[in-house]
N, C-alpha and C. Protein backbone atom coordinates (compact mmCIF):
# COMPACT_ATOMS: atom_id res chain seq x y z
N MET A 1 97.11 82.83 80.40
CA MET A 1 96.96 84.12 79.79
C MET A 1 96.84 84.86 81.24
N ASN A 2 97.69 86.17 81.32
CA ASN A 2 97.67 87.04 82.39
C ASN A 2 97.08 88.32 81.74
N TYR A 3 96.65 89.12 82.53
CA TYR A 3 96.00 90.40 82.13
C TYR A 3 96.59 91.41 83.25
N ILE A 4 97.24 92.54 82.56
CA ILE A 4 97.98 93.71 83.32
C ILE A 4 96.97 94.74 83.20
N VAL A 5 96.27 95.08 84.34
CA VAL A 5 95.37 96.16 84.50
C VAL A 5 96.24 97.19 84.86
N LEU A 6 96.24 98.27 84.08
CA LEU A 6 97.29 99.59 84.25
C LEU A 6 96.56 100.84 84.27
N ASP A 7 97.39 101.68 85.00
CA ASP A 7 97.23 102.94 84.77
C ASP A 7 98.46 103.79 84.78
N LEU A 8 98.41 104.82 83.96
CA LEU A 8 99.66 105.75 83.88
C LEU A 8 99.28 107.33 84.39
N GLU A 9 100.24 107.88 84.76
CA GLU A 9 100.00 109.45 85.12
C GLU A 9 101.10 109.84 84.38
N ALA A 10 100.83 110.97 83.63
CA ALA A 10 101.66 111.78 82.68
C ALA A 10 101.93 113.11 82.99
N THR A 11 102.92 113.63 82.65
CA THR A 11 103.00 115.42 82.68
C THR A 11 101.78 115.92 81.94
N CYS A 12 101.33 117.00 82.46
CA CYS A 12 100.24 117.53 81.83
C CYS A 12 100.19 119.04 82.19
N TRP A 13 99.49 119.76 81.60
CA TRP A 13 99.51 121.27 81.78
C TRP A 13 97.88 121.76 81.77
N GLU A 14 97.70 122.88 82.39
CA GLU A 14 96.45 123.34 82.57
C GLU A 14 95.80 123.56 81.23
N GLY A 15 94.41 123.24 81.13
CA GLY A 15 93.63 123.29 79.88
C GLY A 15 93.97 122.45 78.85
N PHE A 16 94.70 121.24 79.12
CA PHE A 16 95.20 120.32 78.16
C PHE A 16 96.03 120.70 77.18
N GLN A 17 96.64 121.74 77.24
CA GLN A 17 97.50 122.18 76.11
C GLN A 17 98.61 121.34 76.05
N GLN A 18 98.99 120.79 74.83
CA GLN A 18 100.04 119.92 74.70
C GLN A 18 101.49 120.73 74.47
N ARG A 19 101.88 121.26 75.45
CA ARG A 19 103.25 121.95 75.10
C ARG A 19 104.42 121.06 74.68
N ASN A 20 104.31 119.97 75.40
CA ASN A 20 105.66 119.07 75.09
C ASN A 20 105.15 117.48 75.10
N MET A 21 105.77 116.54 74.71
CA MET A 21 105.38 115.08 74.92
C MET A 21 105.12 114.94 76.22
N SER A 22 103.91 114.28 76.50
CA SER A 22 103.61 113.89 77.87
C SER A 22 104.42 112.70 78.51
N GLU A 23 105.42 113.01 79.55
CA GLU A 23 106.07 111.92 79.83
C GLU A 23 105.60 111.17 81.17
N ILE A 24 105.66 109.88 80.99
CA ILE A 24 104.85 108.94 82.05
C ILE A 24 105.85 109.15 83.21
N VAL A 25 105.20 109.61 84.20
CA VAL A 25 105.97 109.85 85.73
C VAL A 25 105.28 108.78 86.75
N GLU A 26 104.29 108.01 86.44
CA GLU A 26 104.05 106.93 87.48
C GLU A 26 103.36 105.80 86.59
N ILE A 27 103.47 104.50 86.94
CA ILE A 27 103.02 103.30 86.47
C ILE A 27 102.45 102.68 87.73
N GLY A 28 101.25 102.10 87.58
CA GLY A 28 100.42 101.31 88.57
C GLY A 28 99.73 100.11 87.93
N ALA A 29 99.83 99.00 88.31
CA ALA A 29 99.25 97.73 87.79
C ALA A 29 98.97 96.79 88.63
N VAL A 30 97.98 95.92 88.20
CA VAL A 30 97.51 94.72 88.85
C VAL A 30 97.53 93.76 87.95
N LYS A 31 98.17 92.56 88.22
CA LYS A 31 98.29 91.47 87.16
C LYS A 31 97.13 90.56 87.87
N VAL A 32 96.42 89.92 87.01
CA VAL A 32 95.35 89.00 87.23
C VAL A 32 95.51 87.74 86.15
N ASN A 33 95.12 86.34 86.69
CA ASN A 33 95.25 85.46 85.84
C ASN A 33 93.78 85.12 85.08
N HIS A 34 93.75 84.16 84.27
CA HIS A 34 92.61 84.12 83.53
C HIS A 34 91.27 83.75 84.29
N PHE A 35 91.54 83.34 85.61
CA PHE A 35 90.51 83.27 86.43
C PHE A 35 90.04 84.40 87.12
N GLY A 36 90.66 85.60 87.12
CA GLY A 36 90.43 86.88 87.58
C GLY A 36 90.88 86.99 89.03
N GLU A 37 92.05 85.94 89.25
CA GLU A 37 92.57 86.20 90.40
C GLU A 37 94.03 86.95 90.52
N GLU A 38 93.97 87.90 91.59
CA GLU A 38 95.07 88.76 91.58
C GLU A 38 96.50 87.88 91.90
N ILE A 39 97.33 88.27 91.11
CA ILE A 39 98.68 87.51 91.19
C ILE A 39 99.90 88.41 91.38
N GLY A 40 99.72 89.68 91.20
CA GLY A 40 100.83 90.63 91.44
C GLY A 40 100.22 92.03 91.32
N LYS A 41 101.28 92.96 92.00
CA LYS A 41 100.99 94.36 91.80
C LYS A 41 102.34 95.04 91.74
N PHE A 42 102.22 96.27 90.82
CA PHE A 42 103.56 96.91 90.54
C PHE A 42 103.11 98.49 90.53
N HIS A 43 103.92 99.10 91.26
CA HIS A 43 103.94 100.74 91.17
C HIS A 43 105.38 101.12 91.17
N SER A 44 105.52 102.16 90.41
CA SER A 44 106.70 102.98 90.46
C SER A 44 106.63 104.29 89.89
N PHE A 45 107.20 105.23 90.52
CA PHE A 45 107.36 106.60 89.87
C PHE A 45 108.53 106.69 88.94
N VAL A 46 108.26 107.66 88.01
CA VAL A 46 109.26 107.66 86.87
C VAL A 46 109.76 109.17 86.71
N LYS A 47 110.99 109.50 86.89
CA LYS A 47 111.63 110.88 86.51
C LYS A 47 111.42 111.21 85.21
N PRO A 48 110.84 112.31 84.84
CA PRO A 48 110.89 112.82 83.43
C PRO A 48 112.19 113.35 83.07
N VAL A 49 112.58 113.27 81.91
CA VAL A 49 114.01 113.70 81.51
C VAL A 49 113.96 114.75 80.37
N PHE A 50 113.15 114.62 79.42
CA PHE A 50 113.01 115.54 78.30
C PHE A 50 112.51 116.96 78.66
N HIS A 51 111.29 116.75 79.61
CA HIS A 51 110.90 118.09 80.08
C HIS A 51 110.62 117.92 81.60
N PRO A 52 111.56 118.10 82.41
CA PRO A 52 111.36 117.51 83.65
C PRO A 52 110.56 118.69 84.62
N HIS A 53 110.34 119.72 84.13
CA HIS A 53 109.26 120.62 85.14
C HIS A 53 108.02 120.08 85.26
N LEU A 54 107.63 119.71 86.28
CA LEU A 54 106.05 119.45 86.76
C LEU A 54 105.21 120.68 86.87
N SER A 55 104.26 120.73 86.06
CA SER A 55 103.42 121.80 86.29
C SER A 55 102.50 121.92 87.59
N SER A 56 102.33 123.02 88.15
CA SER A 56 101.50 122.97 89.39
C SER A 56 99.95 122.47 88.97
N TYR A 57 99.65 122.50 87.86
CA TYR A 57 98.36 121.82 87.39
C TYR A 57 98.48 120.36 87.50
N PHE A 58 99.59 119.75 87.31
CA PHE A 58 99.82 118.30 87.33
C PHE A 58 99.94 117.97 88.92
N LEU A 59 100.52 118.75 89.53
CA LEU A 59 100.84 118.28 91.23
C LEU A 59 99.49 118.63 91.83
N ARG A 60 98.66 119.36 91.33
CA ARG A 60 97.27 119.51 92.18
C ARG A 60 96.28 118.52 91.76
N LEU A 61 96.56 118.18 90.39
CA LEU A 61 95.51 117.04 89.90
C LEU A 61 95.89 115.93 90.67
N THR A 62 97.27 115.35 90.69
CA THR A 62 97.64 114.08 91.21
C THR A 62 97.85 113.99 92.54
N GLY A 63 98.22 115.30 93.24
CA GLY A 63 98.74 115.06 94.61
C GLY A 63 99.94 114.34 94.98
N ILE A 64 100.74 114.06 93.68
CA ILE A 64 102.01 113.40 94.02
C ILE A 64 102.92 114.45 94.58
N PRO A 65 103.72 114.01 95.69
CA PRO A 65 104.71 114.92 96.07
C PRO A 65 105.84 114.95 94.75
N ARG A 66 106.29 116.14 94.69
CA ARG A 66 107.38 116.57 93.71
C ARG A 66 108.61 115.79 93.82
N LEU A 67 108.81 115.35 95.02
CA LEU A 67 110.16 114.81 95.32
C LEU A 67 109.95 113.37 95.04
N SER A 68 108.97 112.85 95.06
CA SER A 68 108.69 111.28 94.72
C SER A 68 109.02 110.99 93.41
N ILE A 69 108.77 112.09 92.42
CA ILE A 69 108.86 111.91 91.16
C ILE A 69 110.56 112.23 90.79
N LEU A 70 111.12 113.35 91.26
CA LEU A 70 112.37 113.87 91.12
C LEU A 70 113.52 112.94 91.70
N ASN A 71 112.99 111.89 92.80
CA ASN A 71 113.88 110.92 93.12
C ASN A 71 113.69 109.74 92.50
N ALA A 72 112.76 109.55 91.55
CA ALA A 72 112.64 108.19 90.83
C ALA A 72 113.76 107.98 89.77
N LYS A 73 113.51 106.64 89.63
CA LYS A 73 114.52 106.19 88.22
C LYS A 73 113.80 106.90 86.98
N THR A 74 114.43 106.78 85.83
CA THR A 74 113.92 107.20 84.80
C THR A 74 113.14 106.25 83.84
N PHE A 75 112.48 106.56 82.78
CA PHE A 75 111.59 105.51 82.09
C PHE A 75 112.32 104.40 81.57
N ASP A 76 113.64 104.75 80.96
CA ASP A 76 114.43 103.82 80.29
C ASP A 76 114.72 102.74 81.45
N ILE A 77 114.82 102.82 82.47
CA ILE A 77 115.16 102.04 83.58
C ILE A 77 113.67 101.38 84.17
N VAL A 78 112.70 102.01 84.43
CA VAL A 78 111.63 101.75 85.15
C VAL A 78 110.74 100.72 84.08
N PHE A 79 110.53 101.15 82.99
CA PHE A 79 109.84 100.36 81.90
C PHE A 79 110.42 98.83 81.57
N PRO A 80 111.45 98.66 81.56
CA PRO A 80 112.16 97.47 81.34
C PRO A 80 111.77 96.43 82.70
N GLU A 81 112.10 97.26 83.81
CA GLU A 81 111.47 96.53 84.97
C GLU A 81 110.22 96.35 85.16
N PHE A 82 109.22 96.92 84.71
CA PHE A 82 107.80 96.73 84.68
C PHE A 82 107.58 95.59 83.55
N MET A 83 108.37 95.51 82.55
CA MET A 83 108.12 94.42 81.43
C MET A 83 108.53 93.07 81.97
N SER A 84 109.72 93.13 82.98
CA SER A 84 110.17 91.86 83.43
C SER A 84 109.07 91.30 84.50
N TRP A 85 108.47 92.31 85.03
CA TRP A 85 107.41 91.89 86.02
C TRP A 85 106.23 91.29 85.25
N VAL A 86 105.88 91.98 84.22
CA VAL A 86 104.88 91.64 83.29
C VAL A 86 104.93 90.02 82.98
N LEU A 87 106.20 89.68 82.81
CA LEU A 87 106.79 88.39 81.79
C LEU A 87 107.07 87.47 82.82
N GLU A 88 107.01 87.78 84.17
CA GLU A 88 107.75 86.80 85.12
C GLU A 88 107.37 85.53 85.22
N GLU A 89 105.92 85.24 84.78
CA GLU A 89 105.47 83.83 85.00
C GLU A 89 105.68 83.41 83.51
N GLY A 90 106.12 83.85 82.58
CA GLY A 90 106.14 83.40 81.34
C GLY A 90 104.78 83.26 80.36
N GLU A 91 103.82 83.64 81.12
CA GLU A 91 102.45 83.57 80.27
C GLU A 91 102.29 84.70 79.29
N GLU A 92 101.40 84.33 78.38
CA GLU A 92 101.07 85.37 77.52
C GLU A 92 100.40 86.34 78.32
N TYR A 93 100.26 87.65 77.70
CA TYR A 93 99.43 88.67 78.39
C TYR A 93 98.98 89.62 77.63
N TYR A 94 97.89 90.52 78.25
CA TYR A 94 97.37 91.63 77.74
C TYR A 94 97.59 92.76 78.71
N LEU A 95 97.89 93.88 78.15
CA LEU A 95 97.96 95.26 79.06
C LEU A 95 96.34 95.87 78.57
N CYS A 96 95.79 96.12 79.85
CA CYS A 96 94.21 96.52 80.05
C CYS A 96 94.08 97.90 80.41
N ALA A 97 93.86 98.79 80.00
CA ALA A 97 93.60 100.18 80.56
C ALA A 97 92.45 100.93 79.91
N TRP A 98 92.11 102.04 80.73
CA TRP A 98 90.72 102.64 80.41
C TRP A 98 90.93 103.60 79.56
N GLY A 99 90.77 103.36 78.11
CA GLY A 99 90.79 104.24 77.24
C GLY A 99 92.20 104.05 76.37
N SER A 100 92.36 104.89 75.40
CA SER A 100 93.66 104.60 74.43
C SER A 100 94.77 105.53 74.67
N GLY A 101 94.55 106.21 75.79
CA GLY A 101 95.54 107.25 75.99
C GLY A 101 96.85 106.78 76.59
N ASP A 102 96.83 105.66 77.43
CA ASP A 102 97.70 104.89 78.12
C ASP A 102 98.59 104.29 77.03
N LEU A 103 98.01 103.73 75.92
CA LEU A 103 98.82 103.09 74.92
C LEU A 103 99.60 104.15 74.02
N ARG A 104 99.00 105.40 73.90
CA ARG A 104 99.77 106.51 73.20
C ARG A 104 100.79 106.75 74.00
N PHE A 105 100.51 106.92 75.41
CA PHE A 105 101.69 107.48 76.17
C PHE A 105 102.91 106.37 76.17
N LEU A 106 102.50 105.08 76.31
CA LEU A 106 103.57 103.94 76.24
C LEU A 106 104.33 104.14 74.94
N GLN A 107 103.69 104.11 73.92
CA GLN A 107 104.27 104.23 72.45
C GLN A 107 105.34 105.35 72.38
N GLU A 108 104.79 106.65 72.76
CA GLU A 108 105.66 107.65 72.63
C GLU A 108 106.70 107.65 73.48
N ASN A 109 106.71 107.26 74.84
CA ASN A 109 107.52 107.15 75.61
C ASN A 109 108.65 106.07 75.20
N THR A 110 108.21 105.07 74.87
CA THR A 110 109.30 103.80 74.39
C THR A 110 109.95 104.37 73.36
N LYS A 111 109.49 105.08 72.24
CA LYS A 111 110.07 105.55 71.20
C LYS A 111 111.02 106.45 71.70
N ALA A 112 110.64 107.47 72.38
CA ALA A 112 111.69 108.61 72.87
C ALA A 112 112.65 108.06 73.59
N HIS A 113 112.58 106.89 74.19
CA HIS A 113 113.76 106.37 75.10
C HIS A 113 114.39 105.22 74.29
N ARG A 114 113.87 105.10 73.08
CA ARG A 114 114.71 104.17 72.04
C ARG A 114 114.56 102.70 72.93
N LEU A 115 113.35 102.42 73.32
CA LEU A 115 112.86 101.01 73.69
C LEU A 115 112.18 100.43 72.68
N SER A 116 112.20 99.04 72.54
CA SER A 116 111.75 98.44 71.29
C SER A 116 110.69 97.25 72.13
N TYR A 117 109.30 97.87 72.06
CA TYR A 117 108.20 96.80 72.59
C TYR A 117 107.21 97.09 71.65
N GLN A 118 106.45 95.91 71.39
CA GLN A 118 105.29 95.67 70.50
C GLN A 118 104.07 95.71 71.47
N LEU A 119 103.43 96.80 71.56
CA LEU A 119 102.34 96.90 72.60
C LEU A 119 101.12 96.98 71.95
N ALA A 120 100.78 97.61 70.80
CA ALA A 120 99.60 97.92 70.37
C ALA A 120 98.76 96.41 70.07
N ASP A 121 99.37 95.20 69.78
CA ASP A 121 98.65 94.07 69.73
C ASP A 121 98.42 93.44 70.79
N ARG A 122 98.89 93.96 71.99
CA ARG A 122 98.60 93.14 73.32
C ARG A 122 97.95 94.25 74.20
N TYR A 123 96.93 95.01 73.53
CA TYR A 123 96.45 96.06 74.30
C TYR A 123 94.97 96.07 74.47
N ILE A 124 94.25 95.98 75.42
CA ILE A 124 92.72 96.14 75.50
C ILE A 124 92.37 97.50 76.07
N ASP A 125 91.48 98.07 75.36
CA ASP A 125 90.96 99.39 75.80
C ASP A 125 89.56 98.95 76.51
N VAL A 126 89.86 99.07 77.81
CA VAL A 126 88.49 98.55 78.44
C VAL A 126 87.36 99.52 78.43
N LYS A 127 87.65 100.78 78.24
CA LYS A 127 86.83 101.85 78.07
C LYS A 127 86.00 101.49 76.97
N LEU A 128 86.58 101.67 75.71
CA LEU A 128 85.93 101.23 74.56
C LEU A 128 85.16 99.98 74.64
N TYR A 129 85.48 98.87 75.04
CA TYR A 129 84.69 97.53 75.28
C TYR A 129 83.46 97.85 76.07
N TYR A 130 83.86 98.39 77.29
CA TYR A 130 82.70 98.41 78.14
C TYR A 130 81.47 99.31 77.59
N ASN A 131 81.94 100.24 77.17
CA ASN A 131 80.82 101.35 76.52
C ASN A 131 80.26 101.01 75.42
N THR A 132 80.73 100.00 74.42
CA THR A 132 80.19 99.65 73.35
C THR A 132 79.86 98.14 73.20
N GLN A 133 80.13 97.48 74.19
CA GLN A 133 79.74 95.94 74.02
C GLN A 133 79.17 95.60 75.47
N ILE A 134 79.47 96.10 76.57
CA ILE A 134 78.60 95.75 77.81
C ILE A 134 77.52 96.71 77.99
N LYS A 135 77.70 97.91 77.90
CA LYS A 135 76.73 98.99 77.98
C LYS A 135 76.49 99.70 76.74
N TRP A 136 76.14 98.99 75.76
CA TRP A 136 76.13 99.48 74.20
C TRP A 136 74.97 100.35 74.04
N ASN A 137 73.99 100.31 74.96
CA ASN A 137 72.78 101.38 74.69
C ASN A 137 73.12 102.58 75.29
N ARG A 138 74.17 103.01 75.81
CA ARG A 138 74.15 104.15 76.35
C ARG A 138 74.58 105.30 75.45
N ARG A 139 73.95 106.43 75.61
CA ARG A 139 74.17 107.51 74.62
C ARG A 139 75.45 108.28 74.70
N LYS A 140 75.82 108.47 76.15
CA LYS A 140 76.79 109.15 76.51
C LYS A 140 77.68 108.11 77.30
N PRO A 141 79.12 107.76 76.94
CA PRO A 141 79.87 106.91 77.45
C PRO A 141 80.13 107.16 78.94
N PHE A 142 80.22 106.11 79.52
CA PHE A 142 80.67 106.35 81.04
C PHE A 142 82.05 106.44 81.13
N GLY A 143 82.41 107.53 82.13
CA GLY A 143 83.87 107.44 82.63
C GLY A 143 83.98 106.31 83.65
N LEU A 144 85.25 106.04 84.05
CA LEU A 144 85.58 104.95 84.95
C LEU A 144 84.79 105.13 86.20
N LEU A 145 84.85 106.25 86.92
CA LEU A 145 84.02 106.48 88.09
C LEU A 145 82.51 106.24 88.00
N LYS A 146 82.08 106.59 86.91
CA LYS A 146 80.66 106.26 86.89
C LYS A 146 80.36 104.94 86.48
N ALA A 147 81.25 104.32 85.80
CA ALA A 147 80.92 102.87 85.45
C ALA A 147 81.19 102.15 86.80
N LEU A 148 82.23 102.41 87.60
CA LEU A 148 82.42 101.75 88.88
C LEU A 148 81.02 101.86 89.61
N HIS A 149 80.55 102.85 89.81
CA HIS A 149 79.27 103.14 90.65
C HIS A 149 78.07 102.33 90.06
N HIS A 150 78.04 102.50 88.70
CA HIS A 150 77.07 101.76 87.99
C HIS A 150 77.01 100.27 88.43
N GLU A 151 78.32 99.71 88.53
CA GLU A 151 78.35 98.30 88.53
C GLU A 151 78.42 97.99 90.41
N GLY A 152 78.23 98.99 91.14
CA GLY A 152 78.08 98.52 92.46
C GLY A 152 79.44 98.77 93.29
N PHE A 153 80.42 99.41 92.57
CA PHE A 153 81.77 99.53 93.34
C PHE A 153 81.90 100.72 93.65
N GLU A 154 82.62 100.95 94.82
CA GLU A 154 83.13 102.22 95.19
C GLU A 154 84.61 102.29 94.99
N PHE A 155 84.97 103.65 94.56
CA PHE A 155 86.50 104.04 94.30
C PHE A 155 86.98 104.02 95.61
N GLU A 156 88.16 103.19 95.75
CA GLU A 156 89.23 103.09 96.70
C GLU A 156 90.38 104.01 96.36
N GLY A 157 90.93 104.82 97.33
CA GLY A 157 92.03 105.50 97.04
C GLY A 157 91.94 106.85 96.54
N SER A 158 92.83 107.39 95.80
CA SER A 158 92.62 108.61 95.37
C SER A 158 92.73 108.67 93.71
N GLN A 159 91.87 109.40 93.08
CA GLN A 159 91.89 109.47 91.65
C GLN A 159 92.95 110.19 91.03
N HIS A 160 93.42 109.74 90.02
CA HIS A 160 94.65 110.43 89.23
C HIS A 160 95.91 110.02 89.92
N ARG A 161 95.87 108.67 90.64
CA ARG A 161 97.20 108.00 91.14
C ARG A 161 96.93 106.82 90.38
N ALA A 162 98.08 106.29 89.72
CA ALA A 162 98.08 105.19 88.87
C ALA A 162 97.83 103.83 89.55
N PHE A 163 98.29 103.67 90.62
CA PHE A 163 98.23 102.32 91.33
C PHE A 163 96.50 102.24 91.67
N ASP A 164 96.00 103.25 92.45
CA ASP A 164 94.62 103.47 92.68
C ASP A 164 93.85 103.32 91.48
N ASP A 165 93.91 104.06 90.56
CA ASP A 165 93.02 103.91 89.26
C ASP A 165 93.13 102.49 88.88
N ALA A 166 94.27 101.88 88.84
CA ALA A 166 94.53 100.59 88.10
C ALA A 166 93.71 99.61 89.07
N TYR A 167 93.93 99.66 90.52
CA TYR A 167 93.20 98.91 91.23
C TYR A 167 91.62 98.78 91.33
N ASN A 168 91.27 100.15 90.96
CA ASN A 168 89.81 100.16 90.79
C ASN A 168 89.22 99.64 89.35
N LEU A 169 89.97 99.95 88.44
CA LEU A 169 89.71 99.48 87.11
C LEU A 169 89.64 97.78 87.08
N CYS A 170 90.71 97.28 87.81
CA CYS A 170 90.57 95.91 87.98
C CYS A 170 89.32 95.28 88.55
N LYS A 171 88.71 96.03 89.42
CA LYS A 171 87.49 95.54 89.84
C LYS A 171 86.55 95.24 88.70
N LEU A 172 86.26 96.19 87.96
CA LEU A 172 85.44 96.10 86.84
C LEU A 172 86.07 95.12 85.76
N PHE A 173 87.26 94.96 85.44
CA PHE A 173 87.68 94.31 84.58
C PHE A 173 87.37 92.91 85.00
N VAL A 174 87.61 92.41 86.49
CA VAL A 174 87.26 91.00 86.77
C VAL A 174 85.94 90.75 86.65
N LYS A 175 85.02 91.71 86.90
CA LYS A 175 83.67 91.26 86.86
C LYS A 175 83.19 90.67 85.48
N TYR A 176 83.93 91.24 84.55
CA TYR A 176 83.76 90.92 83.06
C TYR A 176 84.81 90.02 82.50
N ILE A 177 85.59 89.33 83.32
CA ILE A 177 86.60 88.62 83.06
C ILE A 177 86.51 87.56 81.89
N ASP A 178 85.26 87.08 81.66
CA ASP A 178 84.93 86.26 80.66
C ASP A 178 84.91 86.86 79.39
N ASP A 179 84.38 88.10 79.32
CA ASP A 179 84.36 88.73 77.99
C ASP A 179 85.58 89.18 77.22
N TRP A 180 86.71 89.43 78.09
CA TRP A 180 88.03 89.67 77.53
C TRP A 180 88.70 88.36 77.21
N GLN A 181 88.14 87.32 77.29
CA GLN A 181 88.74 86.06 76.86
C GLN A 181 88.06 85.26 75.57
N ARG A 182 87.57 86.20 74.69
CA ARG A 182 86.77 85.69 73.84
C ARG A 182 87.82 85.76 72.47
């Protein structure tokens, strides 16, 4: 069993107003085996096609250079490459992310690009599990940064960057690797 600890960045606008479908513009992931050993990394920018304008809010939030995204391949090319990377060892897998938003982005984007992947039954919402099963006595759920600090980890890299967020989430995920295998 492999676990794909991932994070996505997607187009967004000031005040979180949903003007259009949020298009995935960055995929970052760390692949770990059932022992919690890192066995691969994936990172790619993705060029949006339905609503290609990148808001100034998005650019400030992520710090991603506009040209990195505009010169990237489109989702219909990048996501099959990502899934080939996920499946390259031929192992069963789970996609693991902080919250349900990344699953929603994946489902919306695969549908919009007419790609057929069954993702919901291969998805672990680490945030939900962490806040309800591991830290079940919390009145207010931890965000990723607070959870990392609570567990004794420092955030490395830049927040709101897909690979850095995935890498840091992976530290928390691996600490509780036995809990995901039940």
